[in-house]
C-alpha cells in the first residue's frame, strides 16, 4: 500500500510539472441554441461557463499576454485562461459581448475577411444560415477592449492551397485587416486547425 502511495505521488508530481505552465484555451464559434450543431453553444450555457470561471477566480488574457509569457517570460495573472471565437458570427457580438462585459472578461474573435457582415456561405455543410459581424460591430468589439485577429480571407483548408493562394489568404489578409481596423495583426487562427510546413513558412513570412 505504501509503495502504491509513493507511485501515486510520483505520477501526480510528474503531471504537475508537465502541465503547470499550460494555459487553457476555450474555443467558441456560435453563441446560439442550435440543436445538433457542435459548434453552437446556447447563451445560457455560455453564461454558466463565465459564471464558473468568475467564481473560481480565472482571469481571461489576450493572445499578446500569452505570447509574451512564453516568449518573453512575462508574468500572467493567477489562473489565466484565453477565450476565442472562430469566424466572427454576429451572435458573438449580440449575445457573448454583453456577458463578457458583465463578468469583466476579455476575448479574441477571429473573423474571415471576405465574409465580414455576410451570411456564412463558406460553410457548405448544411449549416443553418446566419450572419457574421459587420464592420461597425467589429469596431465596437474593439472599442469595448476586446481583440480581433485574422482567420484568413475565405476559410480554406490551408494544407490544400498552393503558395500563391497562401499568400492571398495569409499575407494579403493580414495587411487588409490592419488597414480596415487600424491595428496590428500579430496572430492567426488556422481554419479547421490544419497546417503544414509550407503554411508555417508563409505565416513566418507574414510576421504573424
Protein backbone atom coordinates (compact mmCIF):
# COMPACT_ATOMS: atom_id res chain seq x y z
CA UNK A 1 0.00 0.00 0.00
CA UNK A 2 2.84 2.37 0.89
CA UNK A 3 4.55 1.65 -2.45
CA UNK A 4 1.33 2.41 -4.34
CA UNK A 5 1.05 5.70 -2.45
CA UNK A 6 4.61 6.65 -3.40
CA UNK A 7 3.92 5.78 -7.05
CA UNK A 8 0.77 7.94 -7.00
CA UNK A 9 2.72 10.87 -5.56
CA UNK A 10 5.37 10.48 -8.27
CA UNK A 11 2.74 10.38 -11.02
CA UNK A 12 0.98 13.47 -9.65
CA UNK A 13 4.30 15.30 -9.38
CA UNK A 14 5.16 14.48 -12.99
CA UNK A 15 1.75 15.66 -14.16
CA UNK A 16 2.09 18.86 -12.19
CA UNK A 17 5.49 19.62 -13.68
CA UNK A 18 4.22 18.81 -17.16
CA UNK A 19 1.08 20.93 -17.06
CA UNK A 20 1.79 23.69 -14.54
CA UNK A 21 2.78 26.15 -17.30
CA UNK A 22 -0.09 25.24 -19.62
CA UNK A 23 -2.77 27.88 -20.19
CA UNK A 24 -6.24 26.59 -21.10
CA UNK A 25 -7.91 27.98 -24.23
CA UNK A 26 -11.69 27.79 -24.63
CA UNK A 27 -12.63 27.96 -28.33
CA UNK A 28 -16.14 29.02 -29.28
CA UNK A 29 -17.94 29.54 -32.58
CA UNK A 30 -21.61 30.47 -32.36
CA UNK A 31 -23.42 31.52 -29.20
CA UNK A 32 -26.86 30.29 -30.19
CA UNK A 33 -29.29 27.49 -29.45
CA UNK A 34 -29.00 25.18 -32.47
CA UNK A 35 -29.70 21.51 -31.65
CA UNK A 36 -27.22 19.11 -33.24
CA UNK A 37 -24.62 21.77 -34.05
CA UNK A 38 -21.48 21.02 -32.03
CA UNK A 39 -20.12 24.47 -32.86
CA UNK A 40 -23.06 26.29 -31.29
CA UNK A 41 -23.42 26.92 -27.56
CA UNK A 42 -26.68 28.31 -26.10
CA UNK A 43 -26.40 31.70 -24.49
CA UNK A 44 -27.49 30.26 -21.13
CA UNK A 45 -24.68 27.67 -21.19
CA UNK A 46 -22.14 30.31 -22.10
CA UNK A 47 -23.34 32.42 -19.16
CA UNK A 48 -22.95 29.38 -16.87
CA UNK A 49 -19.38 28.87 -18.06
CA UNK A 50 -18.43 32.50 -17.47
CA UNK A 51 -20.05 32.35 -14.04
CA UNK A 52 -17.95 29.26 -13.24
CA UNK A 53 -14.75 30.94 -14.40
CA UNK A 54 -15.54 34.04 -12.38
CA UNK A 55 -16.46 32.10 -9.25
CA UNK A 56 -13.28 30.04 -9.46
CA UNK A 57 -11.06 33.12 -9.90
CA UNK A 58 -9.99 32.57 -13.50
CA UNK A 59 -8.57 35.61 -15.29
CA UNK A 60 -9.02 35.98 -19.03
CA UNK A 61 -5.97 37.07 -21.00
CA UNK A 62 -5.17 38.26 -24.53
CA UNK A 63 -3.13 36.46 -27.21
CA UNK A 64 -0.43 39.09 -26.68
CA UNK A 65 -0.22 38.31 -22.97
CA UNK A 66 0.06 34.60 -23.75
CA UNK A 67 2.76 35.20 -26.36
CA UNK A 68 4.78 37.45 -24.06
CA UNK A 69 4.53 34.91 -21.28
CA UNK A 70 6.04 32.07 -23.30
CA UNK A 71 8.50 34.14 -25.35
CA UNK A 72 9.48 36.98 -23.02
CA UNK A 73 8.74 35.22 -19.72
CA UNK A 74 6.33 37.90 -18.54
CA UNK A 75 4.07 37.03 -15.64
CA UNK A 76 0.43 36.07 -16.15
CA UNK A 77 -2.39 36.65 -13.67
CA UNK A 78 -3.45 33.81 -11.41
CA UNK A 79 -5.47 31.10 -13.18
CA UNK A 80 -5.09 32.55 -16.69
CA UNK A 81 -7.41 31.45 -19.49
CA UNK A 82 -7.84 32.54 -23.11
CA UNK A 83 -11.31 32.77 -24.70
CA UNK A 84 -11.52 32.68 -28.50
CA UNK A 85 -14.31 32.92 -31.09
CA UNK A 86 -13.76 31.50 -34.57
CA UNK A 87 -15.32 33.02 -37.72
CA UNK A 88 -16.83 36.17 -36.17
CA UNK A 89 -20.52 35.34 -36.08
CA UNK A 90 -22.89 38.20 -35.30
CA UNK A 91 -24.20 36.38 -32.23
CA UNK A 92 -20.72 36.76 -30.73
CA UNK A 93 -21.44 40.49 -30.66
CA UNK A 94 -25.12 40.32 -29.75
CA UNK A 95 -25.02 37.52 -27.17
CA UNK A 96 -21.45 36.93 -25.99
CA UNK A 97 -20.19 40.51 -25.68
CA UNK A 98 -22.77 41.64 -23.06
CA UNK A 99 -21.93 38.60 -20.93
CA UNK A 100 -18.19 39.16 -21.28
CA UNK A 101 -18.65 42.74 -20.14
CA UNK A 102 -20.89 41.61 -17.26
CA UNK A 103 -18.11 39.40 -15.92
CA UNK A 104 -15.34 41.85 -16.85
CA UNK A 105 -13.70 39.36 -19.19
CA UNK A 106 -11.84 39.70 -22.44
CA UNK A 107 -11.76 37.51 -25.55
CA UNK A 108 -10.44 37.45 -29.11
CA UNK A 109 -12.55 36.96 -32.22
CA UNK A 110 -11.11 35.65 -35.50
CA UNK A 111 -13.23 36.92 -38.43
CA UNK A 112 -12.92 35.75 -42.04
CA UNK A 113 -12.04 38.83 -44.08
CA UNK A 114 -14.11 38.19 -47.23
CA UNK A 115 -17.14 37.18 -45.17
CA UNK A 116 -17.39 40.18 -42.86
CA UNK A 117 -21.05 41.14 -42.50
CA UNK A 118 -22.21 38.34 -44.82
CA UNK A 119 -24.10 35.04 -44.49
CA UNK A 120 -21.95 32.02 -43.59
CA UNK A 121 -21.96 30.53 -47.09
CA UNK A 122 -18.36 29.33 -46.72
CA UNK A 123 -19.84 26.56 -44.56
CA UNK A 124 -21.17 24.28 -47.28
CA UNK A 125 -22.10 21.56 -44.79
CA UNK A 126 -25.85 22.10 -44.48
CA UNK A 127 -25.33 24.60 -41.66
CA UNK A 128 -28.12 26.90 -40.57
CA UNK A 129 -27.61 30.24 -42.30
CA UNK A 130 -26.58 33.13 -40.11
CA UNK A 131 -24.62 36.36 -40.46
CA UNK A 132 -21.20 37.45 -39.35
CA UNK A 133 -20.28 40.65 -37.54
CA UNK A 134 -20.18 43.69 -39.81
CA UNK A 135 -17.50 46.38 -39.74
CA UNK A 136 -19.39 48.58 -37.28
CA UNK A 137 -19.78 45.67 -34.88
CA UNK A 138 -16.13 44.67 -35.22
CA UNK A 139 -15.05 48.22 -34.38
CA UNK A 140 -17.43 48.28 -31.43
CA UNK A 141 -15.95 44.96 -30.26
CA UNK A 142 -12.52 46.60 -30.25
CA UNK A 143 -13.85 49.72 -28.52
CA UNK A 144 -15.08 47.51 -25.69
CA UNK A 145 -11.46 46.45 -25.13
CA UNK A 146 -11.59 43.03 -26.78
CA UNK A 147 -9.27 41.77 -29.50
CA UNK A 148 -9.60 40.84 -33.19
CA UNK A 149 -7.10 38.77 -35.18
CA UNK A 150 -7.33 37.23 -38.69
CA UNK A 151 -8.82 33.89 -39.70
CA UNK A 152 -7.71 34.10 -43.38
CA UNK A 153 -9.66 35.55 -46.31
CA UNK A 154 -12.00 32.68 -47.22
CA UNK A 155 -11.53 29.94 -44.58
CA UNK A 156 -9.95 27.31 -46.87
CA UNK A 157 -8.08 24.16 -45.96
CA UNK A 158 -4.65 25.80 -45.98
CA UNK A 159 -2.84 22.50 -46.50
CA UNK A 160 -4.60 22.19 -49.87
CA UNK A 161 -3.56 25.66 -51.09
CA UNK A 162 -0.64 26.47 -53.36
CA UNK A 163 1.86 29.17 -52.47
CA UNK A 164 0.04 31.91 -54.41
CA UNK A 165 -3.23 31.14 -52.64
CA UNK A 166 -1.50 31.02 -49.26
CA UNK A 167 -0.01 34.47 -49.86
CA UNK A 168 -3.51 35.80 -50.53
CA UNK A 169 -5.07 34.03 -47.57
CA UNK A 170 -2.39 34.94 -45.03
CA UNK A 171 -0.12 37.83 -46.04
CA UNK A 172 -2.60 39.93 -48.02
CA UNK A 173 -5.35 39.32 -45.48
CA UNK A 174 -3.14 40.47 -42.60
CA UNK A 175 -2.49 43.74 -44.46
CA UNK A 176 -6.17 44.22 -45.28
CA UNK A 177 -7.24 43.64 -41.70
CA UNK A 178 -4.66 46.12 -40.42
CA UNK A 179 -5.94 48.80 -42.80
CA UNK A 180 -9.58 48.00 -42.10
CA UNK A 181 -9.32 48.09 -38.30
CA UNK A 182 -6.27 50.34 -37.90
CA UNK A 183 -4.47 47.93 -35.57
CA UNK A 184 -1.62 45.43 -35.80
CA UNK A 185 -2.46 41.83 -36.63
CA UNK A 186 0.02 39.54 -34.93
CA UNK A 187 -1.76 36.19 -34.59
CA UNK A 188 -3.50 33.78 -36.95
CA UNK A 189 -6.21 31.20 -36.32
CA UNK A 190 -5.76 28.28 -38.76
CA UNK A 191 -9.06 27.27 -40.43
CA UNK A 192 -10.01 23.75 -39.30
CA UNK A 193 -6.75 23.70 -37.34
CA UNK A 194 -4.83 22.38 -40.37
CA UNK A 195 -1.31 23.50 -41.28
CA UNK A 196 1.92 22.09 -42.66
CA UNK A 197 5.47 23.33 -43.15
CA UNK A 198 4.57 25.37 -46.23
CA UNK A 199 1.80 27.13 -44.30
CA UNK A 200 4.18 27.77 -41.40
CA UNK A 201 6.73 29.30 -43.78
CA UNK A 202 4.15 31.72 -45.20
CA UNK A 203 2.98 32.66 -41.69
CA UNK A 204 6.58 33.41 -40.71
CA UNK A 205 6.98 35.46 -43.86
CA UNK A 206 3.90 37.48 -42.95
CA UNK A 207 5.30 38.04 -39.42
CA UNK A 208 2.09 36.81 -37.84
